Amino acid sequence: MFRNRAEAGRLLAKKLAATSNLPDRLILALARGGVPVGFEIAKAISVPLDVFVVRKLGVPGQEELAMGAIASGGVRVLYDEVVQGLGISGSEIERIAAQEQQELERRERLYRHDSPALDVRGRTVILVDDGLATGTTMRAAITALRKQFPARLIVAVPVAPPSTVQELKQEVEDVVCLLMPESFSAISQWYEEFPQTSDEEIRELLERAARERATAPKG
């Protein structure tokens, strides 16, 4: 188990030290829980940190069950087997997607103070979260980012089921995962402390990361 997200980030950073030969690296942390993990990685390997917002589309009445996700850039990913299996109508999908789009835009404005996202074109992008279950939100992020032409995408997470890791390896250049337990019910079971990450905490971490990079010695 990890003590908390910060410890998980520091442990991931040790694994990601091997990416030092890759050009122009950038950490994109999925909000919210990925930001404390990404902050520690960015600090340890001295690369820029930005936030990437993805919103899960929950099944009506079973919101914890994902039927898909949306991400920055107007990207939508749907699980056809869930949508068709539960008979979810197109109008229900549109209603939920519209609600989540509003929240996605609110978070982007809040976290960035209306400043633009970092440019990923031609860069090595390390996508970070605090863990994966089905991987729906990560797949939405990957789909969105491919449209921005990064040189390569690397997924880095503390914990995920082996099946999710294998699926994502088909979509990105590399997946770095510390724990791949066969028995997996929730990300939180692999952390001693797993509080909800607040919007204010995300803003503070992003601001700290920017300040520390601005004052870090060059080279």
C-alpha atoms as a PDB file:
ATOM      1  CA  MET A   1       0.000   0.000   0.000  1.00  0.00           C
ATOM      2  CA  PHE A   2       0.975   3.619  -0.480  1.00  0.00           C
ATOM      3  CA  ARG A   3       0.838   5.989   2.467  1.00  0.00           C
ATOM      4  CA  ASN A   4      -0.722   8.746   0.369  1.00  0.00           C
ATOM      5  CA  ARG A   5      -0.660  10.259  -3.130  1.00  0.00           C
ATOM      6  CA  ALA A   6       2.558  12.179  -2.418  1.00  0.00           C
ATOM      7  CA  GLU A   7       4.456   9.012  -1.530  1.00  0.00           C
ATOM      8  CA  ALA A   8       3.058   7.287  -4.621  1.00  0.00           C
ATOM      9  CA  GLY A   9       4.317  10.173  -6.741  1.00  0.00           C
ATOM     10  CA  ARG A  10       7.800  10.017  -5.289  1.00  0.00           C
ATOM     11  CA  LEU A  11       7.991   6.269  -5.938  1.00  0.00           C
ATOM     12  CA  LEU A  12       6.753   6.720  -9.498  1.00  0.00           C
ATOM     13  CA  ALA A  13       9.361   9.418 -10.061  1.00  0.00           C
ATOM     14  CA  LYS A  14      12.125   6.877  -9.421  1.00  0.00           C
ATOM     15  CA  LYS A  15      10.748   4.679 -12.202  1.00  0.00           C
ATOM     16  CA  LEU A  16      10.377   7.653 -14.536  1.00  0.00           C
ATOM     17  CA  ALA A  17      13.993   8.701 -14.079  1.00  0.00           C
ATOM     18  CA  ALA A  18      14.677   6.347 -16.995  1.00  0.00           C
ATOM     19  CA  THR A  19      12.842   8.785 -19.301  1.00  0.00           C
ATOM     20  CA  SER A  20      15.562  11.431 -18.835  1.00  0.00           C
ATOM     21  CA  ASN A  21      16.903  10.711 -22.337  1.00  0.00           C
ATOM     22  CA  LEU A  22      13.536  11.589 -23.924  1.00  0.00           C
ATOM     23  CA  PRO A  23      13.190  15.137 -25.272  1.00  0.00           C
ATOM     24  CA  ASP A  24      11.053  17.947 -23.880  1.00  0.00           C
ATOM     25  CA  ARG A  25       9.145  16.086 -21.159  1.00  0.00           C
ATOM     26  CA  LEU A  26       5.916  17.381 -19.627  1.00  0.00           C
ATOM     27  CA  ILE A  27       3.716  16.037 -16.817  1.00  0.00           C
ATOM     28  CA  LEU A  28      -0.030  16.242 -17.406  1.00  0.00           C
ATOM     29  CA  ALA A  29      -1.895  15.235 -14.253  1.00  0.00           C
ATOM     30  CA  LEU A  30      -5.523  14.187 -14.421  1.00  0.00           C
ATOM     31  CA  ALA A  31      -7.706  16.245 -12.109  1.00  0.00           C
ATOM     32  CA  ARG A  32      -8.315  15.861  -9.373  1.00  0.00           C
ATOM     33  CA  GLY A  33      -6.464  12.961  -7.764  1.00  0.00           C
ATOM     34  CA  GLY A  34      -3.628  12.836 -10.254  1.00  0.00           C
ATOM     35  CA  VAL A  35      -2.347  16.309  -9.418  1.00  0.00           C
ATOM     36  CA  PRO A  36      -0.720  15.503  -6.014  1.00  0.00           C
ATOM     37  CA  VAL A  37       0.963  12.496  -7.663  1.00  0.00           C
ATOM     38  CA  GLY A  38       2.066  14.521 -10.678  1.00  0.00           C
ATOM     39  CA  PHE A  39       3.393  17.340  -8.504  1.00  0.00           C
ATOM     40  CA  GLU A  40       5.866  15.018  -6.782  1.00  0.00           C
ATOM     41  CA  ILE A  41       6.978  13.520 -10.091  1.00  0.00           C
ATOM     42  CA  ALA A  42       7.454  16.919 -11.731  1.00  0.00           C
ATOM     43  CA  LYS A  43       9.470  18.136  -8.748  1.00  0.00           C
ATOM     44  CA  ALA A  44      11.678  15.030  -8.607  1.00  0.00           C
ATOM     45  CA  ILE A  45      12.531  14.838 -12.324  1.00  0.00           C
ATOM     46  CA  SER A  46      12.482  18.619 -12.938  1.00  0.00           C
ATOM     47  CA  VAL A  47       9.854  18.890 -15.659  1.00  0.00           C
ATOM     48  CA  PRO A  48       6.858  21.234 -16.105  1.00  0.00           C
ATOM     49  CA  LEU A  49       3.485  20.293 -14.598  1.00  0.00           C
ATOM     50  CA  ASP A  50       0.048  21.042 -16.010  1.00  0.00           C
ATOM     51  CA  VAL A  51      -3.434  19.748 -15.284  1.00  0.00           C
ATOM     52  CA  PHE A  52      -5.666  17.839 -17.690  1.00  0.00           C
ATOM     53  CA  VAL A  53      -9.384  17.718 -16.964  1.00  0.00           C
ATOM     54  CA  VAL A  54     -11.430  14.615 -17.749  1.00  0.00           C
ATOM     55  CA  ARG A  55     -14.973  14.015 -16.532  1.00  0.00           C
ATOM     56  CA  LYS A  56     -16.541  10.584 -16.174  1.00  0.00           C
ATOM     57  CA  LEU A  57     -20.015  10.055 -17.634  1.00  0.00           C
ATOM     58  CA  GLY A  58     -21.863   8.059 -14.996  1.00  0.00           C
ATOM     59  CA  VAL A  59     -24.772   5.731 -15.693  1.00  0.00           C
ATOM     60  CA  PRO A  60     -28.087   7.358 -14.644  1.00  0.00           C
ATOM     61  CA  GLY A  61     -28.909   6.131 -11.142  1.00  0.00           C
ATOM     62  CA  GLN A  62     -25.538   4.339 -10.880  1.00  0.00           C
ATOM     63  CA  GLU A  63     -23.214   7.300 -11.190  1.00  0.00           C
ATOM     64  CA  GLU A  64     -20.143   5.397  -9.971  1.00  0.00           C
ATOM     65  CA  LEU A  65     -20.441   3.110 -13.005  1.00  0.00           C
ATOM     66  CA  ALA A  66     -18.833   4.770 -16.020  1.00  0.00           C
ATOM     67  CA  MET A  67     -20.499   4.625 -19.414  1.00  0.00           C
ATOM     68  CA  GLY A  68     -17.828   6.908 -20.855  1.00  0.00           C
ATOM     69  CA  ALA A  69     -15.923  10.146 -20.327  1.00  0.00           C
ATOM     70  CA  ILE A  70     -15.287  13.573 -21.830  1.00  0.00           C
ATOM     71  CA  ALA A  71     -12.018  15.503 -21.969  1.00  0.00           C
ATOM     72  CA  SER A  72     -10.666  18.894 -22.926  1.00  0.00           C
ATOM     73  CA  GLY A  73     -10.910  19.538 -26.647  1.00  0.00           C
ATOM     74  CA  GLY A  74     -14.444  18.225 -27.068  1.00  0.00           C
ATOM     75  CA  VAL A  75     -13.449  14.553 -26.909  1.00  0.00           C
ATOM     76  CA  ARG A  76     -16.011  11.959 -25.846  1.00  0.00           C
ATOM     77  CA  VAL A  77     -15.352   8.265 -25.216  1.00  0.00           C
ATOM     78  CA  LEU A  78     -18.283   5.869 -24.718  1.00  0.00           C
ATOM     79  CA  TYR A  79     -18.351   2.259 -23.567  1.00  0.00           C
ATOM     80  CA  ASP A  80     -20.750   0.750 -26.088  1.00  0.00           C
ATOM     81  CA  GLU A  81     -21.140  -2.447 -24.076  1.00  0.00           C
ATOM     82  CA  VAL A  82     -22.375  -0.453 -21.056  1.00  0.00           C
ATOM     83  CA  VAL A  83     -24.581   1.906 -23.066  1.00  0.00           C
ATOM     84  CA  GLN A  84     -26.191  -0.858 -25.089  1.00  0.00           C
ATOM     85  CA  GLY A  85     -26.281  -3.369 -22.251  1.00  0.00           C
ATOM     86  CA  LEU A  86     -28.208  -0.975 -20.004  1.00  0.00           C
ATOM     87  CA  GLY A  87     -30.283   0.531 -22.805  1.00  0.00           C
ATOM     88  CA  ILE A  88     -29.178   4.114 -22.140  1.00  0.00           C
ATOM     89  CA  SER A  89     -30.798   6.500 -24.596  1.00  0.00           C
ATOM     90  CA  GLY A  90     -28.988   9.067 -26.694  1.00  0.00           C
ATOM     91  CA  SER A  91     -30.923  11.873 -24.991  1.00  0.00           C
ATOM     92  CA  GLU A  92     -29.747  10.680 -21.549  1.00  0.00           C
ATOM     93  CA  ILE A  93     -26.150  10.577 -22.755  1.00  0.00           C
ATOM     94  CA  GLU A  94     -26.443  14.122 -24.119  1.00  0.00           C
ATOM     95  CA  ARG A  95     -28.005  15.398 -20.885  1.00  0.00           C
ATOM     96  CA  ILE A  96     -25.266  13.941 -18.694  1.00  0.00           C
ATOM     97  CA  ALA A  97     -22.510  14.996 -21.100  1.00  0.00           C
ATOM     98  CA  ALA A  98     -23.795  18.596 -21.074  1.00  0.00           C
ATOM     99  CA  GLN A  99     -23.732  18.677 -17.266  1.00  0.00           C
ATOM    100  CA  GLU A 100     -20.211  17.276 -17.132  1.00  0.00           C
ATOM    101  CA  GLN A 101     -19.039  19.670 -19.849  1.00  0.00           C
ATOM    102  CA  GLN A 102     -20.089  22.609 -17.670  1.00  0.00           C
ATOM    103  CA  GLU A 103     -18.094  21.207 -14.749  1.00  0.00           C
ATOM    104  CA  LEU A 104     -15.091  20.502 -16.991  1.00  0.00           C
ATOM    105  CA  GLU A 105     -15.036  24.116 -18.203  1.00  0.00           C
ATOM    106  CA  ARG A 106     -15.476  25.448 -14.649  1.00  0.00           C
ATOM    107  CA  ARG A 107     -12.493  23.463 -13.422  1.00  0.00           C
ATOM    108  CA  GLU A 108     -10.268  24.527 -16.291  1.00  0.00           C
ATOM    109  CA  ARG A 109     -11.013  28.196 -15.588  1.00  0.00           C
ATOM    110  CA  LEU A 110     -10.465  27.725 -11.854  1.00  0.00           C
ATOM    111  CA  TYR A 111      -7.224  25.773 -12.055  1.00  0.00           C
ATOM    112  CA  ARG A 112      -5.540  27.899 -14.716  1.00  0.00           C
ATOM    113  CA  HIS A 113      -6.885  31.404 -14.003  1.00  0.00           C
ATOM    114  CA  ASP A 114      -7.789  31.540 -17.726  1.00  0.00           C
ATOM    115  CA  SER A 115      -4.164  30.997 -18.760  1.00  0.00           C
ATOM    116  CA  PRO A 116      -3.698  28.638 -21.752  1.00  0.00           C
ATOM    117  CA  ALA A 117      -2.749  24.997 -21.402  1.00  0.00           C
ATOM    118  CA  LEU A 118       0.874  24.075 -22.052  1.00  0.00           C
ATOM    119  CA  ASP A 119       1.584  23.174 -25.683  1.00  0.00           C
ATOM    120  CA  VAL A 120       2.143  19.422 -26.101  1.00  0.00           C
ATOM    121  CA  ARG A 121       3.009  19.335 -29.808  1.00  0.00           C
ATOM    122  CA  GLY A 122       6.230  17.408 -30.364  1.00  0.00           C
ATOM    123  CA  ARG A 123       6.751  16.812 -26.640  1.00  0.00           C
ATOM    124  CA  THR A 124       7.034  13.715 -24.455  1.00  0.00           C
ATOM    125  CA  VAL A 125       3.832  13.796 -22.401  1.00  0.00           C
ATOM    126  CA  ILE A 126       3.647  11.782 -19.172  1.00  0.00           C
ATOM    127  CA  LEU A 127      -0.018  11.333 -18.238  1.00  0.00           C
ATOM    128  CA  VAL A 128      -0.432  10.812 -14.493  1.00  0.00           C
ATOM    129  CA  ASP A 129      -3.316   9.706 -12.274  1.00  0.00           C
ATOM    130  CA  ASP A 130      -3.552   8.296  -8.736  1.00  0.00           C
ATOM    131  CA  GLY A 131      -4.690   4.931 -10.093  1.00  0.00           C
ATOM    132  CA  LEU A 132      -6.806   3.288 -12.760  1.00  0.00           C
ATOM    133  CA  ALA A 133      -9.755   0.948 -12.591  1.00  0.00           C
ATOM    134  CA  THR A 134     -11.381   0.543 -16.027  1.00  0.00           C
ATOM    135  CA  GLY A 135      -9.153   3.216 -17.572  1.00  0.00           C
ATOM    136  CA  THR A 136     -12.078   5.095 -19.134  1.00  0.00           C
ATOM    137  CA  THR A 137     -10.921   8.563 -18.106  1.00  0.00           C
ATOM    138  CA  MET A 138      -7.330   7.843 -19.134  1.00  0.00           C
ATOM    139  CA  ARG A 139      -8.483   6.668 -22.564  1.00  0.00           C
ATOM    140  CA  ALA A 140     -10.434   9.912 -23.002  1.00  0.00           C
ATOM    141  CA  ALA A 141      -7.301  11.870 -22.121  1.00  0.00           C
ATOM    142  CA  ILE A 142      -5.212   9.847 -24.586  1.00  0.00           C
ATOM    143  CA  THR A 143      -7.741  10.399 -27.379  1.00  0.00           C
ATOM    144  CA  ALA A 144      -7.828  14.139 -26.708  1.00  0.00           C
ATOM    145  CA  LEU A 145      -4.050  14.487 -26.561  1.00  0.00           C
ATOM    146  CA  ARG A 146      -3.371  12.523 -29.746  1.00  0.00           C
ATOM    147  CA  LYS A 147      -5.199  15.312 -31.580  1.00  0.00           C
ATOM    148  CA  GLN A 148      -2.528  17.731 -30.316  1.00  0.00           C
ATOM    149  CA  PHE A 149       0.356  15.722 -31.847  1.00  0.00           C
ATOM    150  CA  PRO A 150       2.700  14.933 -28.940  1.00  0.00           C
ATOM    151  CA  ALA A 151       5.896  13.099 -29.868  1.00  0.00           C
ATOM    152  CA  ARG A 152       5.004  10.296 -27.441  1.00  0.00           C
ATOM    153  CA  LEU A 153       2.577   9.509 -24.626  1.00  0.00           C
ATOM    154  CA  ILE A 154       3.543   7.690 -21.432  1.00  0.00           C
ATOM    155  CA  VAL A 155       0.939   6.712 -18.832  1.00  0.00           C
ATOM    156  CA  ALA A 156       2.242   6.677 -15.245  1.00  0.00           C
ATOM    157  CA  VAL A 157       0.088   5.465 -12.354  1.00  0.00           C
ATOM    158  CA  PRO A 158       0.756   3.923  -8.930  1.00  0.00           C
ATOM    159  CA  VAL A 159      -1.798   1.113  -9.254  1.00  0.00           C
ATOM    160  CA  ALA A 160      -4.059  -0.508 -11.843  1.00  0.00           C
ATOM    161  CA  PRO A 161      -5.419  -3.956 -12.724  1.00  0.00           C
ATOM    162  CA  PRO A 162      -3.196  -5.942 -15.125  1.00  0.00           C
ATOM    163  CA  SER A 163      -5.951  -6.039 -17.756  1.00  0.00           C
ATOM    164  CA  THR A 164      -6.250  -2.233 -17.833  1.00  0.00           C
ATOM    165  CA  VAL A 165      -2.480  -1.845 -18.120  1.00  0.00           C
ATOM    166  CA  GLN A 166      -2.362  -4.284 -21.042  1.00  0.00           C
ATOM    167  CA  GLU A 167      -5.184  -2.472 -22.843  1.00  0.00           C
ATOM    168  CA  LEU A 168      -3.509   0.918 -22.437  1.00  0.00           C
ATOM    169  CA  LYS A 169      -0.190  -0.426 -23.729  1.00  0.00           C
ATOM    170  CA  GLN A 170      -1.915  -0.754 -27.106  1.00  0.00           C
ATOM    171  CA  GLU A 171      -2.711   2.982 -27.113  1.00  0.00           C
ATOM    172  CA  VAL A 172       0.466   4.698 -25.825  1.00  0.00           C
ATOM    173  CA  GLU A 173       4.216   4.339 -26.164  1.00  0.00           C
ATOM    174  CA  ASP A 174       4.667   3.101 -22.591  1.00  0.00           C
ATOM    175  CA  VAL A 175       2.796   2.439 -19.332  1.00  0.00           C
ATOM    176  CA  VAL A 176       4.607   2.743 -15.996  1.00  0.00           C
ATOM    177  CA  CYS A 177       2.649   1.149 -13.137  1.00  0.00           C
ATOM    178  CA  LEU A 178       4.031   0.220  -9.711  1.00  0.00           C
ATOM    179  CA  LEU A 179       1.336  -2.211  -8.533  1.00  0.00           C
ATOM    180  CA  MET A 180      -0.805  -4.478 -10.722  1.00  0.00           C
ATOM    181  CA  PRO A 181      -2.914  -6.552  -8.316  1.00  0.00           C
ATOM    182  CA  GLU A 182      -5.088  -9.310  -9.759  1.00  0.00           C
ATOM    183  CA  SER A 183      -7.708  -8.658  -7.079  1.00  0.00           C
ATOM    184  CA  PHE A 184      -8.865  -5.071  -7.603  1.00  0.00           C
ATOM    185  CA  SER A 185     -12.064  -3.437  -6.384  1.00  0.00           C
ATOM    186  CA  ALA A 186     -11.150   0.241  -5.881  1.00  0.00           C
ATOM    187  CA  ILE A 187      -8.142   2.540  -6.131  1.00  0.00           C
ATOM    188  CA  SER A 188      -8.623   3.661  -2.525  1.00  0.00           C
ATOM    189  CA  GLN A 189      -7.885   0.164  -1.146  1.00  0.00           C
ATOM    190  CA  TRP A 190      -4.210   0.637  -2.079  1.00  0.00           C
ATOM    191  CA  TYR A 191      -3.761   3.830  -0.057  1.00  0.00           C
ATOM    192  CA  GLU A 192      -3.630   4.317   3.709  1.00  0.00           C
ATOM    193  CA  GLU A 193      -4.811   7.917   3.248  1.00  0.00           C
ATOM    194  CA  PHE A 194      -7.056   8.734   0.286  1.00  0.00           C
ATOM    195  CA  PRO A 195      -8.953  11.976   0.952  1.00  0.00           C
ATOM    196  CA  GLN A 196     -10.777  13.798  -1.829  1.00  0.00           C
ATOM    197  CA  THR A 197      -8.459  16.299  -3.521  1.00  0.00           C
ATOM    198  CA  SER A 198      -9.964  19.803  -3.380  1.00  0.00           C
ATOM    199  CA  ASP A 199      -9.970  22.433  -6.119  1.00  0.00           C
ATOM    200  CA  GLU A 200      -7.951  24.695  -3.831  1.00  0.00           C
ATOM    201  CA  GLU A 201      -5.282  22.026  -3.322  1.00  0.00           C
ATOM    202  CA  ILE A 202      -4.937  21.636  -7.084  1.00  0.00           C
ATOM    203  CA  ARG A 203      -4.521  25.375  -7.578  1.00  0.00           C
ATOM    204  CA  GLU A 204      -1.902  25.544  -4.835  1.00  0.00           C
ATOM    205  CA  LEU A 205       0.091  22.633  -6.232  1.00  0.00           C
ATOM    206  CA  LEU A 206       0.065  24.027  -9.771  1.00  0.00           C
ATOM    207  CA  GLU A 207       1.161  27.438  -8.505  1.00  0.00           C
ATOM    208  CA  ARG A 208       3.919  25.884  -6.355  1.00  0.00           C
ATOM    209  CA  ALA A 209       5.184  23.843  -9.291  1.00  0.00           C
ATOM    210  CA  ALA A 210       5.340  26.937 -11.502  1.00  0.00           C
ATOM    211  CA  ARG A 211       7.129  28.988  -8.812  1.00  0.00           C
ATOM    212  CA  GLU A 212       9.682  26.284  -8.095  1.00  0.00           C
ATOM    213  CA  ARG A 213      10.519  25.842 -11.783  1.00  0.00           C
ATOM    214  CA  ALA A 214      10.842  29.598 -12.232  1.00  0.00           C
ATOM    215  CA  THR A 215      13.353  29.853  -9.368  1.00  0.00           C
ATOM    216  CA  ALA A 216      15.234  26.598 -10.006  1.00  0.00           C
ATOM    217  CA  PRO A 217      18.878  26.924 -11.077  1.00  0.00           C
ATOM    218  CA  LYS A 218      19.253  26.501 -14.840  1.00  0.00           C
ATOM    219  CA  GLY A 219      20.899  23.268 -15.920  1.00  0.00           C
END
